[in-house]
């Protein structure tokens, strides 16, 4: 052993007697089944702080913790090295124990840093990662690699998080390429060997391509979420209307049947039961639609979260590996044609009262008129005249102010704050601020029109959005279907288009109802609260190659 003290052999052989954990000469050295040696205390401490029982050097895992025995021969040799002072850093040197939390240099690993795999307890920031050892090391634990680098196959690179997942198990090289044929990340050696005939691109290039695709998918999913959220709000609003309509109908039934006394007690009970049953069934159907839509929204939001997480991943390899495990997106349903029928009770009271005796025909006529043409209702069926000062310049009014049609050329009229421009509208002459009112408009076979009421303060210049939030409560015929212009367009899917439309306004009750007077059927009802005068509003729409040239005609309502 005397020859081991000479300067030459000392430099070449001292690494064999240093523990790679504490970097000191072995104290009670033990050897793992894979052949690497460590201090007994260092190895036990390392395993105590590790989730797996594996070798600190080669990362080989053991199913159960091996029984350790001190290697006496190695211990004796190590003691002789200590006695001869052959280690570069002896027990009395300034080197500090890694476990003390005060390393000689460097800094503790923070969030986002690559921690040292060899540190016990609080981890130091790794300075390099070793592809051969499949680990990352701080400045202190990197010294054995630097001393033996020229004599070994250690390959040091910049610190890399989750190094094992980004390294080829066969060639110990980084997965820097991507095989589009097999959809897998590979190293350059694998690309030249087993993937030679495949389409190989750099991981960076594939990452940029897939990130662009993810961006488009995120936009599509977010658009679906926006649409579904809007539809969900529509369904929830429909439930509120159902409840409001149910309550209103019940109140009307109580008012009517209170006058009929004992003759209508049984009929009233049947009516209440029918309305309640219809309400529950309608609410059940609407709640089921809400549940289905909320379930689809939940899936879409989950998908959105997954795509958001992928879009934030800057690590190319992890991004591509995570992308390949991403489950397929849920198949979106088509909700465009789904709606909730909120007008369940029109005619309910009429049907109940109609079975009573002739002595109650007066009460029956009041309800009968409301459920159909409204011509016999206890309301003001006064004359409605068009206001020429509000008509858009392409609209031509008749001399009696009861008809309006569209002309291609503009009329020589003065511009004013009350006139609509460029929207093709004209208002009624008289405003409504109280009571019940009813009027009828002949639309004939026109292919497009807009009818309803508007507040006095609505915008009349520029682009106009027709909805209750902007002061418009209207029906609109376009593309062969009548739409209720609520917060969003609600197609009514009528079996037959109306040729004459009745409009009923109950100002105090906040009700605006539309009826097909010929079919004697209800079309749609808006429920709202009014705070200013309302005006009938009309639009014959543009002339569509002669198919929509007929005028809108305000009819005279006759009382029966």
Protein backbone atom coordinates (compact mmCIF):
# COMPACT_ATOMS: atom_id res chain seq x y z
CA UNK A 1 0.00 0.00 0.00
CA UNK A 2 3.04 2.30 0.25
CA UNK A 3 3.06 2.79 -3.53
CA UNK A 4 -0.45 4.18 -3.32
CA UNK A 5 0.95 7.22 -1.58
CA UNK A 6 2.91 8.37 -4.61
CA UNK A 7 1.54 11.42 -6.48
CA UNK A 8 0.84 9.57 -9.73
CA UNK A 9 -1.45 6.76 -8.56
CA UNK A 10 -3.19 9.02 -6.04
CA UNK A 11 -4.81 11.19 -8.71
CA UNK A 12 -5.91 8.21 -10.80
CA UNK A 13 -7.27 6.06 -8.00
CA UNK A 14 -8.71 8.33 -5.34
CA UNK A 15 -12.13 8.54 -7.04
CA UNK A 16 -12.54 4.85 -6.26
CA UNK A 17 -12.62 5.64 -2.53
CA UNK A 18 -14.93 8.67 -2.50
CA UNK A 19 -18.64 8.38 -1.68
CA UNK A 20 -20.58 10.03 -4.55
CA UNK A 21 -23.16 11.33 -2.05
CA UNK A 22 -21.01 13.10 0.56
CA UNK A 23 -17.84 13.30 -1.60
CA UNK A 24 -15.74 12.17 1.36
CA UNK A 25 -13.59 9.05 1.80
CA UNK A 26 -15.84 6.07 2.56
CA UNK A 27 -16.99 5.59 6.13
CA UNK A 28 -18.44 2.10 6.64
CA UNK A 29 -18.71 1.53 2.88
CA UNK A 30 -21.53 -0.69 1.54
CA UNK A 31 -22.13 -1.92 -1.99
CA UNK A 32 -25.49 -2.08 -3.78
CA UNK A 33 -26.47 -5.10 -5.94
CA UNK A 34 -25.61 -3.02 -9.03
CA UNK A 35 -22.01 -2.67 -7.84
CA UNK A 36 -21.83 0.96 -6.68
CA UNK A 37 -20.44 1.80 -3.23
CA UNK A 38 -21.49 4.49 -0.75
CA UNK A 39 -21.17 5.33 2.92
CA UNK A 40 -23.70 3.32 4.93
CA UNK A 41 -25.21 6.46 6.52
CA UNK A 42 -25.28 8.34 3.21
CA UNK A 43 -27.12 5.57 1.36
CA UNK A 44 -29.62 5.05 4.18
CA UNK A 45 -30.27 8.79 4.29
CA UNK A 46 -30.74 8.93 0.54
CA UNK A 47 -33.29 6.12 0.60
CA UNK A 48 -35.12 7.74 3.51
CA UNK A 49 -35.70 10.89 1.44
CA UNK A 50 -36.47 9.08 -1.84
CA UNK A 51 -39.85 7.72 -2.92
CA UNK A 52 -38.19 4.71 -4.57
CA UNK A 53 -35.40 2.40 -3.52
CA UNK A 54 -32.85 2.94 -6.27
CA UNK A 55 -29.13 3.41 -6.77
CA UNK A 56 -28.09 7.08 -6.48
CA UNK A 57 -25.65 6.63 -9.36
CA UNK A 58 -27.25 4.45 -12.06
CA UNK A 59 -30.86 4.87 -10.84
CA UNK A 60 -31.48 1.13 -10.91
CA UNK A 61 -34.58 0.37 -8.83
CA UNK A 62 -34.91 -2.48 -6.34
CA UNK A 63 -38.21 -4.15 -5.52
CA UNK A 64 -37.31 -4.10 -1.85
CA UNK A 65 -34.52 -2.44 0.09
CA UNK A 66 -31.38 -4.63 -0.04
CA UNK A 67 -29.73 -5.79 3.18
CA UNK A 68 -26.48 -3.85 3.52
CA UNK A 69 -23.22 -5.12 5.01
CA UNK A 70 -20.04 -3.09 5.43
CA UNK A 71 -17.37 -3.98 2.85
CA UNK A 72 -14.44 -4.58 5.22
CA UNK A 73 -11.76 -4.64 2.54
CA UNK A 74 -12.90 -1.33 1.05
CA UNK A 75 -13.27 0.13 4.55
CA UNK A 76 -9.67 -0.77 5.44
CA UNK A 77 -8.32 0.77 2.23
CA UNK A 78 -10.37 3.92 2.79
CA UNK A 79 -9.01 4.25 6.33
CA UNK A 80 -5.46 4.02 4.99
CA UNK A 81 -6.22 6.81 2.47
CA UNK A 82 -7.54 8.97 5.28
CA UNK A 83 -4.48 8.28 7.37
CA UNK A 84 -2.12 9.17 4.51
CA UNK A 85 -4.08 12.40 3.73
CA UNK A 86 -4.56 11.39 0.12
CA UNK A 87 -8.03 12.91 -0.42
CA UNK A 88 -8.20 16.42 -1.81
CA UNK A 89 -10.60 17.42 0.92
CA UNK A 90 -10.01 15.86 4.33
CA UNK A 91 -12.15 15.89 7.45
CA UNK A 92 -10.67 19.19 8.54
CA UNK A 93 -11.12 20.98 5.22
CA UNK A 94 -13.57 23.79 4.55
CA UNK A 95 -15.92 21.46 2.58
CA UNK A 96 -19.33 21.43 4.20
CA UNK A 97 -21.64 18.44 4.40
CA UNK A 98 -24.33 18.53 1.72
CA UNK A 99 -26.86 17.43 4.30
CA UNK A 100 -26.16 20.48 6.45
CA UNK A 101 -28.04 22.76 4.04
CA UNK A 102 -24.96 24.98 3.63
CA UNK A 103 -23.06 23.86 0.48
CA UNK A 104 -19.83 25.44 -0.44
CA UNK A 105 -21.34 27.26 -3.43
CA UNK A 106 -24.51 27.39 -5.50
CA UNK A 107 -28.11 28.05 -4.42
CA UNK A 108 -31.11 26.06 -3.33
CA UNK A 109 -33.49 24.93 -6.08
CA UNK A 110 -36.57 27.12 -6.46
CA UNK A 111 -39.78 26.54 -8.40
CA UNK A 112 -38.86 26.01 -12.03
CA UNK A 113 -35.24 25.05 -11.26
CA UNK A 114 -33.82 21.59 -11.84
CA UNK A 115 -32.95 20.12 -8.39
CA UNK A 116 -29.85 18.04 -7.68
CA UNK A 117 -30.72 14.33 -7.53
CA UNK A 118 -27.82 13.57 -5.19
CA UNK A 119 -28.66 16.11 -2.47
CA UNK A 120 -30.40 14.80 0.61
CA UNK A 121 -33.04 16.92 2.28
CA UNK A 122 -33.32 20.37 0.75
CA UNK A 123 -32.13 20.16 -2.84
CA UNK A 124 -29.51 22.40 -4.42
CA UNK A 125 -29.92 23.84 -7.92
CA UNK A 126 -28.46 21.50 -10.54
CA UNK A 127 -25.64 22.87 -12.70
CA UNK A 128 -25.54 20.03 -15.23
CA UNK A 129 -27.44 16.87 -16.14
CA UNK A 130 -25.57 13.67 -16.97
CA UNK A 131 -27.05 11.59 -19.79
CA UNK A 132 -25.02 8.56 -18.74
CA UNK A 133 -26.05 8.66 -15.09
CA UNK A 134 -29.56 9.87 -15.92
CA UNK A 135 -29.38 12.44 -13.14
CA UNK A 136 -28.88 16.13 -12.47
CA UNK A 137 -26.19 17.42 -10.11
CA UNK A 138 -25.29 20.59 -8.24
CA UNK A 139 -21.82 22.11 -8.34
CA UNK A 140 -20.64 19.99 -5.42
CA UNK A 141 -21.95 16.65 -6.69
CA UNK A 142 -20.78 17.45 -10.20
CA UNK A 143 -17.10 17.28 -9.22
CA UNK A 144 -16.73 13.47 -9.63
CA UNK A 145 -18.06 13.82 -13.20
CA UNK A 146 -15.65 16.64 -13.97
CA UNK A 147 -12.66 14.74 -12.52
CA UNK A 148 -13.39 11.59 -14.51
CA UNK A 149 -14.91 13.12 -17.61
CA UNK A 150 -11.93 12.38 -19.82
CA UNK A 151 -11.71 8.79 -18.54
CA UNK A 152 -15.39 7.83 -18.79
CA UNK A 153 -18.49 8.06 -20.93
CA UNK A 154 -20.19 10.76 -18.83
CA UNK A 155 -22.02 13.22 -21.07
CA UNK A 156 -22.92 16.49 -19.40
CA UNK A 157 -25.63 18.81 -20.74
CA UNK A 158 -27.56 21.78 -19.41
CA UNK A 159 -29.91 20.87 -16.53
CA UNK A 160 -33.11 19.19 -17.74
CA UNK A 161 -36.26 18.51 -15.75
CA UNK A 162 -37.55 14.92 -15.82
CA UNK A 163 -34.42 13.84 -17.64
CA UNK A 164 -35.31 10.13 -17.77
CA UNK A 165 -38.46 10.85 -19.80
CA UNK A 166 -36.49 12.92 -22.34
CA UNK A 167 -33.58 10.52 -22.83
CA UNK A 168 -33.38 7.52 -25.14
CA UNK A 169 -33.05 4.44 -22.93
CA UNK A 170 -30.99 2.65 -25.57
CA UNK A 171 -28.51 5.32 -26.67
CA UNK A 172 -28.53 7.65 -23.65
CA UNK A 173 -29.17 10.61 -25.93
CA UNK A 174 -31.74 13.38 -25.75
CA UNK A 175 -35.01 12.89 -27.64
CA UNK A 176 -34.43 15.78 -30.03
CA UNK A 177 -36.28 14.40 -33.09
CA UNK A 178 -39.88 13.41 -33.78
CA UNK A 179 -41.09 10.54 -35.97
CA UNK A 180 -44.32 11.55 -37.69
CA UNK A 181 -44.84 8.00 -38.92
CA UNK A 182 -44.87 6.47 -35.43
CA UNK A 183 -45.90 9.64 -33.56
CA UNK A 184 -43.07 9.33 -31.06
CA UNK A 185 -40.02 11.33 -29.95
CA UNK A 186 -36.67 9.70 -30.80
CA UNK A 187 -32.98 10.47 -30.49
CA UNK A 188 -30.78 11.09 -33.52
CA UNK A 189 -29.32 7.57 -33.32
CA UNK A 190 -32.77 5.96 -33.39
CA UNK A 191 -33.77 8.26 -36.25
CA UNK A 192 -30.83 7.03 -38.33
CA UNK A 193 -31.39 3.39 -37.42
CA UNK A 194 -34.90 2.06 -36.71
CA UNK A 195 -36.71 5.14 -38.14
CA UNK A 196 -34.53 5.67 -41.18
CA UNK A 197 -37.37 5.26 -43.72
CA UNK A 198 -39.85 7.34 -41.66
CA UNK A 199 -40.67 11.03 -41.82
CA UNK A 200 -38.38 12.59 -39.20
CA UNK A 201 -38.48 16.25 -38.14
CA UNK A 202 -36.98 18.12 -35.22
CA UNK A 203 -38.96 18.12 -31.99
CA UNK A 204 -38.88 21.91 -32.09
CA UNK A 205 -40.51 22.02 -35.53
CA UNK A 206 -43.18 19.50 -34.59
CA UNK A 207 -43.83 21.37 -31.35
CA UNK A 208 -44.47 24.61 -33.26
CA UNK A 209 -46.83 22.83 -35.67
CA UNK A 210 -48.80 21.07 -32.94
CA UNK A 211 -48.91 24.25 -30.83
CA UNK A 212 -50.50 26.05 -33.78
CA UNK A 213 -53.08 23.28 -34.11
CA UNK A 214 -53.79 23.43 -30.40
CA UNK A 215 -54.42 27.17 -30.70
CA UNK A 216 -57.06 26.57 -33.37
CA UNK A 217 -58.69 23.81 -31.35
CA UNK A 218 -58.77 26.06 -28.29
CA UNK A 219 -60.58 28.73 -30.29
CA UNK A 220 -63.10 26.18 -31.59
CA UNK A 221 -63.81 24.83 -28.11
CA UNK A 222 -64.16 28.31 -26.63
CA UNK A 223 -66.59 29.20 -29.43
CA UNK A 224 -68.65 26.10 -28.60
CA UNK A 225 -68.62 27.05 -24.93
CA UNK A 226 -69.87 30.55 -25.79
CA UNK A 227 -72.69 29.16 -27.94
CA UNK A 228 -73.69 26.56 -25.36
CA UNK A 229 -73.62 29.13 -22.55
CA UNK A 230 -75.91 31.37 -24.56
CA UNK A 231 -78.28 28.48 -25.25
CA UNK A 232 -78.20 27.47 -21.60
CA UNK A 233 -79.21 30.98 -20.56
CA UNK A 234 -82.05 30.83 -23.08
CA UNK A 235 -83.32 27.59 -21.55
CA UNK A 236 -83.12 28.98 -18.04
CA UNK A 237 -84.99 32.10 -19.14
CA UNK A 238 -87.64 29.86 -20.71
CA UNK A 239 -88.16 28.17 -17.35
CA UNK A 240 -88.78 31.57 -15.77
CA UNK A 241 -91.31 32.42 -18.48
CA UNK A 242 -93.06 29.10 -17.92
CA UNK A 243 -93.44 29.85 -14.24
CA UNK A 244 -94.56 33.42 -14.92
CA UNK A 245 -97.08 32.31 -17.53
CA UNK A 246 -98.36 29.60 -15.23
CA UNK A 247 -98.87 32.04 -12.38
CA UNK A 248 -100.59 34.56 -14.64
CA UNK A 249 -102.90 31.93 -16.07
CA UNK A 250 -103.81 30.65 -12.62
CA UNK A 251 -104.61 34.17 -11.43
CA UNK A 252 -106.89 34.71 -14.42
CA UNK A 253 -108.64 31.42 -13.76
CA UNK A 254 -109.24 32.38 -10.12
CA UNK A 255 -110.69 35.75 -11.17
CA UNK A 256 -113.08 34.14 -13.65
CA UNK A 257 -114.17 31.24 -11.50
CA UNK A 258 -114.73 33.38 -8.42
CA UNK A 259 -117.77 34.83 -10.30
CA UNK A 260 -119.09 31.43 -11.29
CA UNK A 261 -119.32 30.10 -7.68
CA UNK A 262 -120.47 26.50 -7.27
CA UNK A 263 -121.11 25.95 -11.00
CA UNK A 264 -117.43 26.05 -11.79
CA UNK A 265 -115.76 24.59 -8.69
CA UNK A 266 -115.11 21.27 -10.35
CA UNK A 267 -114.04 22.92 -13.60
CA UNK A 268 -111.65 25.21 -11.72
CA UNK A 269 -110.06 22.29 -9.90
CA UNK A 270 -109.53 20.49 -13.20
CA UNK A 271 -108.07 23.64 -14.73
CA UNK A 272 -105.58 24.16 -11.88
CA UNK A 273 -104.56 20.51 -12.04
CA UNK A 274 -104.09 20.70 -15.82
CA UNK A 275 -102.00 23.86 -15.63
CA UNK A 276 -99.91 22.48 -12.77
CA UNK A 277 -99.34 19.22 -14.64
CA UNK A 278 -98.35 21.07 -17.80
CA UNK A 279 -96.04 23.31 -15.81
CA UNK A 280 -94.31 20.38 -14.11
CA UNK A 281 -93.94 18.48 -17.35
CA UNK A 282 -92.65 21.54 -19.19
CA UNK A 283 -90.22 22.32 -16.37
CA UNK A 284 -89.08 18.71 -16.32
CA UNK A 285 -88.37 18.78 -20.04
CA UNK A 286 -86.62 22.13 -19.77
CA UNK A 287 -84.57 20.95 -16.77
CA UNK A 288 -83.54 17.87 -18.74
CA UNK A 289 -82.33 20.10 -21.58
CA UNK A 290 -80.45 22.21 -19.03
CA UNK A 291 -78.88 19.11 -17.51
CA UNK A 292 -77.78 17.79 -20.93
CA UNK A 293 -76.38 21.18 -21.94
CA UNK A 294 -74.57 21.65 -18.61
CA UNK A 295 -73.05 18.17 -19.03
CA UNK A 296 -71.79 19.05 -22.50
CA UNK A 297 -70.48 22.39 -21.20
CA UNK A 298 -68.64 20.54 -18.43
CA UNK A 299 -66.98 18.29 -21.01
CA UNK A 300 -66.08 21.27 -23.18
CA UNK A 301 -64.66 23.20 -20.21
CA UNK A 302 -62.61 20.15 -19.25
CA UNK A 303 -61.39 19.95 -22.83
CA UNK A 304 -60.61 23.68 -22.77
CA UNK A 305 -58.61 23.26 -19.54
CA UNK A 306 -56.63 20.40 -21.09
CA UNK A 307 -55.86 22.48 -24.17
CA UNK A 308 -54.97 25.51 -22.02
CA UNK A 309 -52.53 23.38 -20.05
CA UNK A 310 -51.00 22.06 -23.27
CA UNK A 311 -50.70 25.58 -24.67
CA UNK A 312 -48.70 26.65 -21.61
CA UNK A 313 -46.17 23.83 -21.95
CA UNK A 314 -42.94 25.20 -23.32
CA UNK A 315 -41.16 21.87 -23.00
CA UNK A 316 -41.33 20.44 -26.49
CA UNK A 317 -40.89 16.78 -25.62
CA UNK A 318 -43.37 16.78 -22.75
CA UNK A 319 -45.83 18.69 -24.90
CA UNK A 320 -45.64 16.14 -27.72
CA UNK A 321 -45.82 13.21 -25.31
CA UNK A 322 -48.81 14.71 -23.47
CA UNK A 323 -50.53 15.52 -26.77
CA UNK A 324 -50.39 11.88 -27.87
CA UNK A 325 -52.17 10.80 -24.67
CA UNK A 326 -54.87 13.48 -24.93
CA UNK A 327 -58.27 11.76 -25.23
CA UNK A 328 -60.39 12.55 -28.30
CA UNK A 329 -62.65 15.62 -27.95
CA UNK A 330 -66.35 15.10 -27.18
CA UNK A 331 -68.62 15.19 -30.20
CA UNK A 332 -70.57 18.49 -29.97
CA UNK A 333 -74.33 18.23 -30.31
CA UNK A 334 -76.38 20.46 -32.58
CA UNK A 335 -78.49 22.68 -30.30
CA UNK A 336 -79.43 25.22 -32.97
CA UNK A 337 -82.91 23.80 -33.47
CA UNK A 338 -83.65 23.02 -29.82
CA UNK A 339 -85.91 25.38 -27.90
CA UNK A 340 -88.33 25.35 -25.00
CA UNK A 341 -92.04 25.99 -25.57
CA UNK A 342 -93.07 28.56 -23.00
CA UNK A 343 -96.59 29.21 -24.27
CA UNK A 344 -98.29 26.21 -22.68
CA UNK A 345 -101.44 27.78 -21.36
CA UNK A 346 -102.93 29.76 -24.22
CA UNK A 347 -106.55 28.70 -24.52
CA UNK A 348 -106.53 26.61 -21.31
CA UNK A 349 -109.03 28.78 -19.49
CA UNK A 350 -111.15 29.05 -22.64
CA UNK A 351 -111.36 25.28 -23.01
CA UNK A 352 -112.39 24.90 -19.40
CA UNK A 353 -115.03 27.64 -19.48
CA UNK A 354 -116.42 26.47 -22.84
CA UNK A 355 -118.00 23.39 -21.24
CA UNK A 356 -120.13 25.47 -18.91
CA UNK A 357 -123.73 26.49 -19.54
CA UNK A 358 -124.98 29.34 -21.69
CA UNK A 359 -125.50 31.51 -18.63
CA UNK A 360 -121.71 32.14 -18.61
CA UNK A 361 -121.26 32.94 -22.30
CA UNK A 362 -120.18 36.52 -21.56
CA UNK A 363 -117.20 35.34 -19.47
CA UNK A 364 -116.40 32.74 -22.11
CA UNK A 365 -116.25 35.35 -24.91
CA UNK A 366 -113.75 37.44 -22.95
CA UNK A 367 -111.35 34.55 -22.66
CA UNK A 368 -112.10 33.16 -26.10
CA UNK A 369 -111.16 36.39 -27.76
CA UNK A 370 -107.82 36.60 -25.89
CA UNK A 371 -106.84 33.09 -26.87
CA UNK A 372 -107.57 33.64 -30.55
CA UNK A 373 -107.95 36.83 -32.58
CA UNK A 374 -108.27 39.13 -29.55
CA UNK A 375 -110.99 41.08 -31.42
CA UNK A 376 -113.51 40.57 -28.60
CA UNK A 377 -111.08 41.21 -25.73
CA UNK A 378 -111.80 43.89 -23.09
CA UNK A 379 -109.16 46.19 -24.54
CA UNK A 380 -108.79 49.31 -26.69
CA UNK A 381 -108.91 48.31 -30.35
CA UNK A 382 -108.35 51.82 -31.61
CA UNK A 383 -107.14 52.95 -34.98
CA UNK A 384 -103.37 52.77 -35.57
CA UNK A 385 -101.91 55.27 -38.04
CA UNK A 386 -98.35 55.45 -39.37
CA UNK A 387 -96.16 58.44 -38.53
CA UNK A 388 -94.50 59.77 -41.76
CA UNK A 389 -91.92 61.74 -39.73
CA UNK A 390 -90.40 58.45 -38.55
CA UNK A 391 -90.42 56.54 -41.89
CA UNK A 392 -87.10 55.65 -43.48
CA UNK A 393 -86.66 57.40 -46.86
CA UNK A 394 -87.23 54.23 -48.93
CA UNK A 395 -90.61 53.61 -47.28
CA UNK A 396 -93.75 54.93 -48.95
CA UNK A 397 -96.93 55.47 -46.88
CA UNK A 398 -100.47 55.47 -48.22
CA UNK A 399 -102.59 58.62 -48.01
CA UNK A 400 -104.64 57.21 -45.13
CA UNK A 401 -101.40 56.28 -43.27
CA UNK A 402 -102.56 52.66 -42.98
CA UNK A 403 -100.16 51.04 -45.48
CA UNK A 404 -96.38 51.02 -45.97
CA UNK A 405 -94.30 49.55 -48.80
CA UNK A 406 -90.65 49.62 -49.92
CA UNK A 407 -89.38 51.53 -52.98
CA UNK A 408 -85.87 51.31 -54.44
CA UNK A 409 -85.55 55.10 -54.73
CA UNK A 410 -85.57 57.36 -51.69
CA UNK A 411 -88.40 59.79 -51.05
CA UNK A 412 -87.72 63.56 -51.12
CA UNK A 413 -88.29 64.08 -47.41
CA UNK A 414 -86.31 66.05 -44.87
CA UNK A 415 -83.93 64.39 -42.43
CA UNK A 416 -84.87 64.62 -38.77
CA UNK A 417 -83.99 63.09 -35.41
CA UNK A 418 -87.21 61.04 -35.37
CA UNK A 419 -86.62 59.40 -38.76
CA UNK A 420 -85.04 55.93 -39.00
CA UNK A 421 -81.92 55.76 -41.19
CA UNK A 422 -80.84 53.43 -42.71
CA UNK A 423 -83.03 50.82 -40.93
CA UNK A 424 -86.33 50.27 -42.81
CA UNK A 425 -88.78 51.14 -40.01
CA UNK A 426 -91.76 53.37 -39.38
CA UNK A 427 -93.56 53.91 -36.05
CA UNK A 428 -97.21 54.36 -35.19
CA UNK A 429 -98.39 57.91 -34.64
CA UNK A 430 -99.72 57.48 -31.08
CA UNK A 431 -97.72 56.21 -28.11
CA UNK A 432 -99.12 53.79 -25.52
CA UNK A 433 -98.39 54.34 -21.82
CA UNK A 434 -101.23 52.42 -20.13
CA UNK A 435 -104.08 49.96 -20.63
CA UNK A 436 -104.70 47.08 -23.01
CA UNK A 437 -104.48 47.58 -26.77
CA UNK A 438 -104.92 45.38 -29.84
CA UNK A 439 -104.34 45.89 -33.58
CA UNK A 440 -103.98 43.67 -36.64
CA UNK A 441 -101.66 43.85 -39.65
CA UNK A 442 -102.17 42.10 -42.99
CA UNK A 443 -98.87 40.62 -44.18
CA UNK A 444 -100.37 38.43 -46.93
CA UNK A 445 -97.79 36.31 -48.75
CA UNK A 446 -94.84 38.63 -48.13
CA UNK A 447 -91.52 36.83 -47.77
CA UNK A 448 -90.07 39.24 -45.19
CA UNK A 449 -91.47 41.65 -42.58
CA UNK A 450 -90.95 42.90 -39.04
CA UNK A 451 -93.77 43.77 -36.61
CA UNK A 452 -93.95 44.68 -32.93
CA UNK A 453 -93.55 47.61 -30.56
CA UNK A 454 -90.65 49.88 -29.62
CA UNK A 455 -89.96 52.43 -26.93
CA UNK A 456 -89.92 56.13 -27.73
CA UNK A 457 -86.19 56.43 -26.91
CA UNK A 458 -84.87 53.69 -29.24
CA UNK A 459 -81.89 54.48 -31.46
CA UNK A 460 -83.02 55.41 -34.95
CA UNK A 461 -79.69 56.03 -36.70
CA UNK A 462 -76.98 53.60 -37.75
CA UNK A 463 -76.98 49.88 -37.01
CA UNK A 464 -79.84 48.74 -34.80
CA UNK A 465 -80.04 45.46 -32.90
CA UNK A 466 -83.65 44.39 -32.40
CA UNK A 467 -84.08 42.93 -28.91
CA UNK A 468 -85.85 43.86 -25.66
CA UNK A 469 -82.59 45.12 -24.16
CA UNK A 470 -82.53 47.86 -26.85
CA UNK A 471 -86.26 48.66 -26.56
CA UNK A 472 -87.69 46.43 -29.34
CA UNK A 473 -90.20 43.56 -28.93
CA UNK A 474 -90.68 42.18 -32.46
CA UNK A 475 -91.37 39.19 -34.68
CA UNK A 476 -89.37 38.88 -37.89
CA UNK A 477 -90.12 36.81 -40.98
CA UNK A 478 -87.01 35.85 -42.93
CA UNK A 479 -85.91 32.83 -44.98
CA UNK A 480 -89.31 31.19 -44.63
CA UNK A 481 -89.49 31.19 -40.82
CA UNK A 482 -90.83 33.56 -38.19
CA UNK A 483 -88.36 34.45 -35.45
CA UNK A 484 -89.01 36.01 -32.07
CA UNK A 485 -86.29 38.63 -31.61
CA UNK A 486 -85.56 38.04 -27.94
CA UNK A 487 -82.03 38.22 -26.50
CA UNK A 488 -81.22 35.90 -29.39
CA UNK A 489 -83.26 34.90 -32.43
CA UNK A 490 -85.78 32.21 -31.51
CA UNK A 491 -87.26 30.36 -34.54
CA UNK A 492 -90.96 29.56 -34.00
CA UNK A 493 -91.10 26.74 -36.62
CA UNK A 494 -94.71 27.47 -37.58
CA UNK A 495 -96.55 24.89 -39.73
CA UNK A 496 -98.13 27.70 -41.78
CA UNK A 497 -96.98 31.31 -42.12
CA UNK A 498 -99.57 33.85 -40.90
CA UNK A 499 -101.27 36.15 -43.41
CA UNK A 500 -102.69 38.49 -40.77
CA UNK A 501 -100.94 39.10 -37.43
CA UNK A 502 -102.75 40.32 -34.31
CA UNK A 503 -100.72 42.21 -31.69
CA UNK A 504 -101.96 42.50 -28.10
CA UNK A 505 -100.31 44.88 -25.60
CA UNK A 506 -101.10 44.90 -21.86
CA UNK A 507 -98.93 47.76 -20.60
CA UNK A 508 -99.41 47.23 -16.84
CA UNK A 509 -98.99 43.45 -17.08
CA UNK A 510 -95.85 43.86 -19.24
CA UNK A 511 -97.28 41.53 -21.94
CA UNK A 512 -96.84 41.72 -25.72
CA UNK A 513 -98.50 38.81 -27.56
CA UNK A 514 -98.66 37.95 -31.25
CA UNK A 515 -101.42 35.86 -32.89
CA UNK A 516 -102.22 34.31 -36.26
CA UNK A 517 -105.74 35.66 -36.63
CA UNK A 518 -106.69 33.35 -39.51
CA UNK A 519 -105.49 30.16 -37.80
CA UNK A 520 -106.79 31.56 -34.48
CA UNK A 521 -103.50 30.52 -32.82
CA UNK A 522 -100.94 32.08 -30.55
CA UNK A 523 -97.48 32.81 -31.99
CA UNK A 524 -95.33 34.23 -29.19
CA UNK A 525 -95.49 36.33 -25.99
CA UNK A 526 -92.89 38.72 -24.54
CA UNK A 527 -93.06 39.42 -20.80
CA UNK A 528 -91.26 42.55 -19.58
CA UNK A 529 -91.59 45.73 -17.52
CA UNK A 530 -92.24 49.05 -19.30
CA UNK A 531 -91.23 52.50 -18.06
CA UNK A 532 -91.92 54.72 -21.10
CA UNK A 533 -94.34 55.04 -23.97
CA UNK A 534 -94.48 52.25 -26.54
CA UNK A 535 -95.16 52.68 -30.27
CA UNK A 536 -96.25 50.10 -32.87
CA UNK A 537 -93.36 49.50 -35.28
CA UNK A 538 -93.50 48.20 -38.87
CA UNK A 539 -91.05 47.17 -41.58
CA UNK A 540 -92.08 45.77 -45.01
CA UNK A 541 -88.38 44.91 -45.63
CA UNK A 542 -86.71 45.23 -49.01
CA UNK A 543 -88.26 44.20 -52.32
CA UNK A 544 -86.71 40.79 -53.11
CA UNK A 545 -86.92 40.76 -56.94
CA UNK A 546 -90.65 41.44 -56.86
CA UNK A 547 -91.42 38.68 -54.33
CA UNK A 548 -91.78 41.06 -51.41
CA UNK A 549 -93.27 44.15 -53.02
CA UNK A 550 -96.67 43.99 -51.29
CA UNK A 551 -97.33 46.55 -48.53
CA UNK A 552 -98.06 45.97 -44.86
CA UNK A 553 -101.70 46.94 -44.20
CA UNK A 554 -103.09 47.95 -40.80
CA UNK A 555 -106.57 46.39 -40.56
CA UNK A 556 -109.62 47.80 -38.85
CA UNK A 557 -110.52 45.60 -35.89
CA UNK A 558 -114.24 44.84 -35.68
CA UNK A 559 -115.85 43.96 -32.35
CA UNK A 560 -118.12 40.92 -32.38
